[in-house]
Amino acid sequence: MIKKYLPLIIAAALGLVATFLVNVYIQQQTDEARRGAVENQKSLSTVVVAIQDIGAGVSITEDMVKEETVNIGLLQPRAATAMDRVVGKISMAPISKGEQILLNKLTVSGQELNLSSKIPPGKRAITIPVDNISSVGGMIRPGDHVDIVGSIPIAVPGPDGKPVQQSTNMSLFQNVLVLAVGQDFTTIPGAKKEERAVSPIITFALSPQEANLITFIQEQGGRIRLILRSPQDTQVQPAAPASWDMVLKTVMPQAFQEQPQRPETAKPPQKQVEIIRGLQRELRNLD
């Protein structure tokens, strides 16, 4: 009897083993999928993006932004990850459609009235009089970047050996942030401003060492001038001090080129005569 049903018993046993192995495989795949989902969730982050172009000085509302899920590698520094950190804030710079909302581009209402909030970390606000503010048409505004040029008196030896004061212009600092012009330090378009005359007083953001240097130059009778930069130009280039020698070398470089030395003309050999007196011999030049 057992031999008669042995194939059925073996088939049933193999079926149970196959069912067990299939269940184990399915459980392994399920666990692996869950682990993958957890790892994938860790690599994702929520970010707030603009769904329309937002100008500077605009109060952001819920219909201007939305939340999106992006790979954490695509998350920009200082990007807002929640709507409540954006809605109700004021944009300090234009924001393009689809752009991630950066917290350093936002300010709370009324914070723009505080100059200290405009100073970048590591910098100090220093206010100095500038000679040529009117020469740029009064177009320098808070938020612009400028190069600061100093006209510095330097003592040089005169013709008689006595020191003579000579003015030398040199580039002191480049790509400097303008914090304020006169009493105006707001950069938000549409903000209420009083009509003021062009002010020769400018407030810059400088490091403590730079602030000390520019203060020393002013105390020594130096003058400060500004060169307005393009917003797209952030490159710092070397600049040699300007003096009369530099002006002449720039305007008339040919006058300072080294003249080629002419080869010396070989002198013809001088004729000589030999005089013999006994055992003595003597050479004399013929005139």
Protein backbone atom coordinates (compact mmCIF):
# COMPACT_ATOMS: atom_id res chain seq x y z
CA MET A 1 0.00 0.00 0.00
CA ILE A 2 2.78 2.42 0.91
CA LYS A 3 4.59 1.83 -2.37
CA LYS A 4 1.33 2.56 -4.17
CA TYR A 5 0.98 6.02 -2.60
CA LEU A 6 4.73 6.81 -2.31
CA PRO A 7 4.84 9.04 -5.43
CA LEU A 8 1.89 11.05 -4.12
CA ILE A 9 3.57 11.45 -0.71
CA ILE A 10 6.83 12.58 -2.35
CA ALA A 11 4.97 15.02 -4.61
CA ALA A 12 3.10 16.46 -1.64
CA ALA A 13 6.34 16.85 0.32
CA LEU A 14 8.05 18.55 -2.60
CA GLY A 15 5.04 20.85 -2.99
CA LEU A 16 5.28 21.86 0.65
CA VAL A 17 9.02 22.52 0.28
CA ALA A 18 8.42 24.56 -2.89
CA THR A 19 5.69 26.56 -1.18
CA PHE A 20 7.99 27.23 1.78
CA LEU A 21 10.82 28.36 -0.46
CA VAL A 22 8.51 30.64 -2.47
CA ASN A 23 7.24 32.23 0.76
CA VAL A 24 10.82 32.74 1.95
CA TYR A 25 11.75 34.34 -1.39
CA ILE A 26 8.71 36.63 -1.33
CA GLN A 27 9.49 37.66 2.26
CA GLN A 28 13.11 38.44 1.33
CA GLN A 29 11.99 40.52 -1.65
CA THR A 30 9.47 42.36 0.53
CA ASP A 31 12.08 43.13 3.19
CA GLU A 32 14.56 44.28 0.54
CA ALA A 33 11.93 46.55 -1.04
CA ARG A 34 11.14 48.05 2.36
CA ARG A 35 14.83 48.70 3.07
CA GLY A 36 15.20 50.28 -0.37
CA ALA A 37 12.20 52.51 0.27
CA VAL A 38 13.65 53.61 3.60
CA GLU A 39 17.05 54.36 2.04
CA ASN A 40 15.39 56.19 -0.85
CA GLN A 41 13.32 58.21 1.61
CA LYS A 42 16.51 59.26 3.40
CA SER A 43 17.98 60.52 0.11
CA LEU A 44 14.93 62.71 -0.61
CA SER A 45 14.00 66.08 0.84
CA THR A 46 11.14 68.55 0.59
CA VAL A 47 11.97 71.97 -0.84
CA VAL A 48 9.89 75.08 -1.51
CA VAL A 49 10.04 76.37 -5.10
CA ALA A 50 8.49 79.36 -6.84
CA ILE A 51 5.64 78.64 -9.28
CA GLN A 52 5.90 82.13 -10.76
CA ASP A 53 8.44 84.93 -11.10
CA ILE A 54 8.69 86.88 -7.85
CA GLY A 55 10.17 90.37 -7.86
CA ALA A 56 12.25 91.97 -5.12
CA GLY A 57 10.30 93.52 -2.25
CA VAL A 58 7.25 91.25 -2.72
CA SER A 59 5.39 89.67 0.19
CA ILE A 60 5.23 85.95 -0.61
CA THR A 61 1.84 84.21 -0.45
CA GLU A 62 0.85 80.52 -0.66
CA ASP A 63 -0.22 80.78 -4.31
CA MET A 64 3.29 81.89 -5.33
CA VAL A 65 5.14 78.80 -4.07
CA LYS A 66 4.76 75.04 -3.65
CA GLU A 67 6.55 72.12 -2.03
CA GLU A 68 8.43 69.59 -4.15
CA THR A 69 10.34 66.40 -3.32
CA VAL A 70 13.89 66.34 -4.71
CA ASN A 71 17.02 64.27 -4.26
CA ILE A 72 18.99 65.61 -1.33
CA GLY A 73 21.97 66.11 -3.63
CA LEU A 74 19.96 68.71 -5.59
CA LEU A 75 19.01 70.66 -2.47
CA GLN A 76 20.69 74.09 -2.55
CA PRO A 77 22.32 75.57 0.58
CA ARG A 78 19.91 77.63 2.70
CA ALA A 79 16.91 76.34 0.74
CA ALA A 80 13.56 76.49 2.55
CA THR A 81 12.12 73.04 3.28
CA ALA A 82 8.71 74.11 4.63
CA MET A 83 6.02 76.53 3.44
CA ASP A 84 5.74 78.23 6.83
CA ARG A 85 9.33 79.43 6.51
CA VAL A 86 8.49 81.27 3.28
CA VAL A 87 4.89 82.48 3.35
CA GLY A 88 4.58 86.01 4.73
CA LYS A 89 8.28 86.83 4.18
CA ILE A 90 9.52 89.56 1.84
CA SER A 91 11.87 88.79 -1.04
CA MET A 92 15.08 90.83 -0.99
CA ALA A 93 16.06 89.82 -4.56
CA PRO A 94 14.20 88.60 -7.67
CA ILE A 95 13.25 84.89 -7.66
CA SER A 96 12.64 83.06 -10.96
CA LYS A 97 9.89 80.53 -11.64
CA GLY A 98 10.99 77.02 -10.62
CA GLU A 99 13.82 78.37 -8.44
CA GLN A 100 14.31 76.99 -4.96
CA ILE A 101 13.48 79.61 -2.31
CA LEU A 102 16.65 80.48 -0.39
CA LEU A 103 16.27 81.78 3.15
CA ASN A 104 19.02 84.34 2.67
CA LYS A 105 16.87 85.97 -0.04
CA LEU A 106 14.02 86.57 2.39
CA THR A 107 13.43 89.01 5.21
CA VAL A 108 10.64 89.60 7.67
CA SER A 109 8.49 92.70 7.38
CA GLY A 110 10.23 95.65 9.04
CA GLN A 111 13.66 93.98 9.16
CA GLU A 112 14.74 96.01 6.15
CA LEU A 113 14.74 99.05 8.46
CA ASN A 114 17.68 97.62 10.41
CA LEU A 115 21.11 98.34 8.89
CA SER A 116 22.87 95.74 11.04
CA SER A 117 20.86 92.98 9.34
CA LYS A 118 22.49 93.93 6.01
CA ILE A 119 26.08 93.38 7.22
CA PRO A 120 27.52 90.04 5.96
CA PRO A 121 29.10 87.76 8.58
CA GLY A 122 32.75 88.64 9.23
CA LYS A 123 32.33 92.21 7.93
CA ARG A 124 31.94 95.58 9.62
CA ALA A 125 30.02 98.67 8.51
CA ILE A 126 32.26 101.71 8.06
CA THR A 127 31.07 105.09 6.81
CA ILE A 128 33.55 107.32 4.96
CA PRO A 129 33.36 110.43 2.77
CA VAL A 130 34.05 109.75 -0.91
CA ASP A 131 35.39 112.41 -3.30
CA ASN A 132 33.87 111.36 -6.61
CA ILE A 133 30.37 110.22 -5.67
CA SER A 134 28.90 112.91 -7.92
CA SER A 135 31.18 111.87 -10.82
CA VAL A 136 29.21 108.63 -11.24
CA GLY A 137 26.01 110.62 -11.45
CA GLY A 138 24.85 109.62 -7.99
CA MET A 139 23.89 106.22 -9.39
CA ILE A 140 25.56 104.15 -6.68
CA ARG A 141 22.87 102.44 -4.62
CA PRO A 142 22.83 100.14 -1.57
CA GLY A 143 23.56 96.61 -2.72
CA ASP A 144 25.98 97.69 -5.46
CA HIS A 145 29.58 96.50 -5.51
CA VAL A 146 32.47 98.89 -6.11
CA ASP A 147 36.25 99.05 -6.23
CA ILE A 148 37.82 101.48 -3.75
CA VAL A 149 40.75 103.50 -5.07
CA GLY A 150 42.94 105.58 -2.77
CA SER A 151 44.94 108.68 -3.65
CA ILE A 152 47.84 108.55 -1.20
CA PRO A 153 50.59 111.14 -0.65
CA ILE A 154 54.02 109.48 -0.63
CA ALA A 155 57.35 111.16 0.12
CA VAL A 156 59.92 110.59 -2.64
CA PRO A 157 63.47 112.00 -2.96
CA GLY A 158 63.57 115.30 -4.89
CA PRO A 159 66.28 116.61 -7.25
CA ASP A 160 68.14 118.19 -4.33
CA GLY A 161 67.80 115.09 -2.18
CA LYS A 162 65.04 116.54 -0.01
CA PRO A 163 61.76 114.53 0.27
CA VAL A 164 58.92 115.71 -1.96
CA GLN A 165 55.25 114.74 -1.58
CA GLN A 166 53.93 112.85 -4.60
CA SER A 167 50.36 111.57 -5.00
CA THR A 168 50.02 107.91 -5.96
CA ASN A 169 46.72 106.24 -6.86
CA MET A 170 46.29 102.58 -6.04
CA SER A 171 43.47 100.04 -5.90
CA LEU A 172 42.80 99.40 -2.22
CA PHE A 173 39.93 96.91 -2.22
CA GLN A 174 37.84 95.31 -4.98
CA ASN A 175 34.25 94.01 -5.15
CA VAL A 176 33.19 95.83 -1.96
CA LEU A 177 29.51 95.79 -0.96
CA VAL A 178 27.81 99.19 -0.55
CA LEU A 179 25.56 99.04 2.52
CA ALA A 180 24.20 102.57 2.47
CA VAL A 181 24.38 105.87 0.61
CA GLY A 182 23.85 108.70 3.04
CA GLN A 183 20.89 107.66 5.20
CA ASP A 184 19.46 105.32 2.55
CA PHE A 185 20.19 101.61 3.05
CA THR A 186 17.05 99.99 1.66
CA THR A 187 17.34 97.89 -1.49
CA ILE A 188 13.67 97.00 -1.79
CA PRO A 189 12.02 98.64 -4.82
CA GLY A 190 8.87 100.55 -4.03
CA ALA A 191 9.90 101.29 -0.46
CA LYS A 192 9.10 104.82 0.57
CA LYS A 193 12.14 107.10 0.29
CA GLU A 194 12.62 110.76 0.86
CA GLU A 195 14.10 112.84 -1.93
CA ARG A 196 17.67 113.63 -0.93
CA ALA A 197 20.59 115.32 -2.63
CA VAL A 198 23.46 113.13 -3.76
CA SER A 199 25.35 112.20 -0.61
CA PRO A 200 29.15 111.99 -0.44
CA ILE A 201 28.87 109.68 2.58
CA ILE A 202 29.01 105.96 1.77
CA THR A 203 28.81 102.99 4.13
CA PHE A 204 30.75 99.88 3.10
CA ALA A 205 31.03 96.31 4.35
CA LEU A 206 34.73 95.73 5.07
CA SER A 207 36.71 93.31 7.18
CA PRO A 208 38.17 94.72 10.41
CA GLN A 209 41.67 94.86 8.86
CA GLU A 210 40.37 96.64 5.73
CA ALA A 211 38.49 99.13 7.90
CA ASN A 212 41.70 99.89 9.83
CA LEU A 213 43.67 100.43 6.61
CA ILE A 214 41.15 102.79 5.03
CA THR A 215 40.89 104.77 8.29
CA PHE A 216 44.69 105.12 8.41
CA ILE A 217 44.81 106.33 4.79
CA GLN A 218 42.22 109.01 5.51
CA GLU A 219 44.06 110.17 8.62
CA GLN A 220 47.21 110.58 6.50
CA GLY A 221 45.40 112.92 4.11
CA GLY A 222 44.51 110.33 1.49
CA ARG A 223 41.37 110.61 -0.66
CA ILE A 224 38.94 107.86 -1.53
CA ARG A 225 37.30 107.33 -4.93
CA LEU A 226 34.92 104.65 -6.19
CA ILE A 227 34.65 102.60 -9.39
CA LEU A 228 31.22 101.04 -9.97
CA ARG A 229 31.26 97.34 -10.94
CA SER A 230 28.89 95.23 -13.02
CA PRO A 231 26.70 92.87 -10.93
CA GLN A 232 28.01 89.96 -13.02
CA ASP A 233 31.68 90.86 -12.45
CA THR A 234 33.05 89.41 -9.22
CA GLN A 235 36.64 88.87 -10.38
CA VAL A 236 39.45 90.48 -8.42
CA GLN A 237 42.29 91.55 -10.70
CA PRO A 238 45.78 92.77 -9.79
CA ALA A 239 46.27 96.51 -10.33
CA ALA A 240 49.62 98.32 -10.16
CA PRO A 241 49.81 101.74 -8.41
CA ALA A 242 49.37 104.69 -10.78
CA SER A 243 52.13 107.34 -10.98
CA TRP A 244 53.66 109.55 -13.67
CA ASP A 245 56.08 106.77 -14.59
CA MET A 246 53.16 104.34 -15.04
CA VAL A 247 51.20 106.92 -17.09
CA LEU A 248 54.13 107.56 -19.43
CA LYS A 249 54.89 103.87 -19.81
CA THR A 250 51.23 103.24 -20.70
CA VAL A 251 50.79 106.20 -23.07
CA MET A 252 54.26 106.12 -24.66
CA PRO A 253 55.60 102.59 -24.24
CA GLN A 254 58.00 103.05 -27.14
CA ALA A 255 59.94 105.70 -25.19
CA PHE A 256 60.76 103.13 -22.51
CA GLN A 257 61.82 100.32 -24.79
CA GLU A 258 65.47 99.35 -24.43
CA GLN A 259 67.56 100.57 -27.34
CA PRO A 260 69.62 97.80 -28.96
CA GLN A 261 73.31 98.23 -28.33
CA ARG A 262 75.40 98.82 -31.41
CA PRO A 263 78.36 96.51 -31.80
CA GLU A 264 81.67 98.28 -31.25
CA THR A 265 83.63 98.91 -34.47
CA ALA A 266 86.92 97.09 -34.39
CA LYS A 267 89.85 99.49 -34.55
CA PRO A 268 92.41 98.81 -37.31
CA PRO A 269 95.65 97.39 -36.00
CA GLN A 270 98.30 100.07 -35.42
CA LYS A 271 101.45 99.84 -37.49
CA GLN A 272 104.64 99.14 -35.59
CA VAL A 273 108.38 99.03 -36.44
CA GLU A 274 110.99 96.84 -34.82
CA ILE A 275 114.29 98.47 -33.80
CA ILE A 276 117.30 96.26 -33.06
CA ARG A 277 120.16 97.69 -31.03
CA GLY A 278 122.78 95.10 -30.46
CA LEU A 279 121.15 92.34 -28.50
CA GLN A 280 118.06 94.44 -27.62
CA ARG A 281 114.84 94.52 -29.65
CA GLU A 282 112.17 97.24 -29.30
CA LEU A 283 108.70 97.79 -30.96
CA ARG A 284 107.57 101.37 -31.61
CA ASN A 285 104.21 102.56 -32.93
CA LEU A 286 104.17 104.56 -36.11
CA ASP A 287 102.19 107.80 -35.79
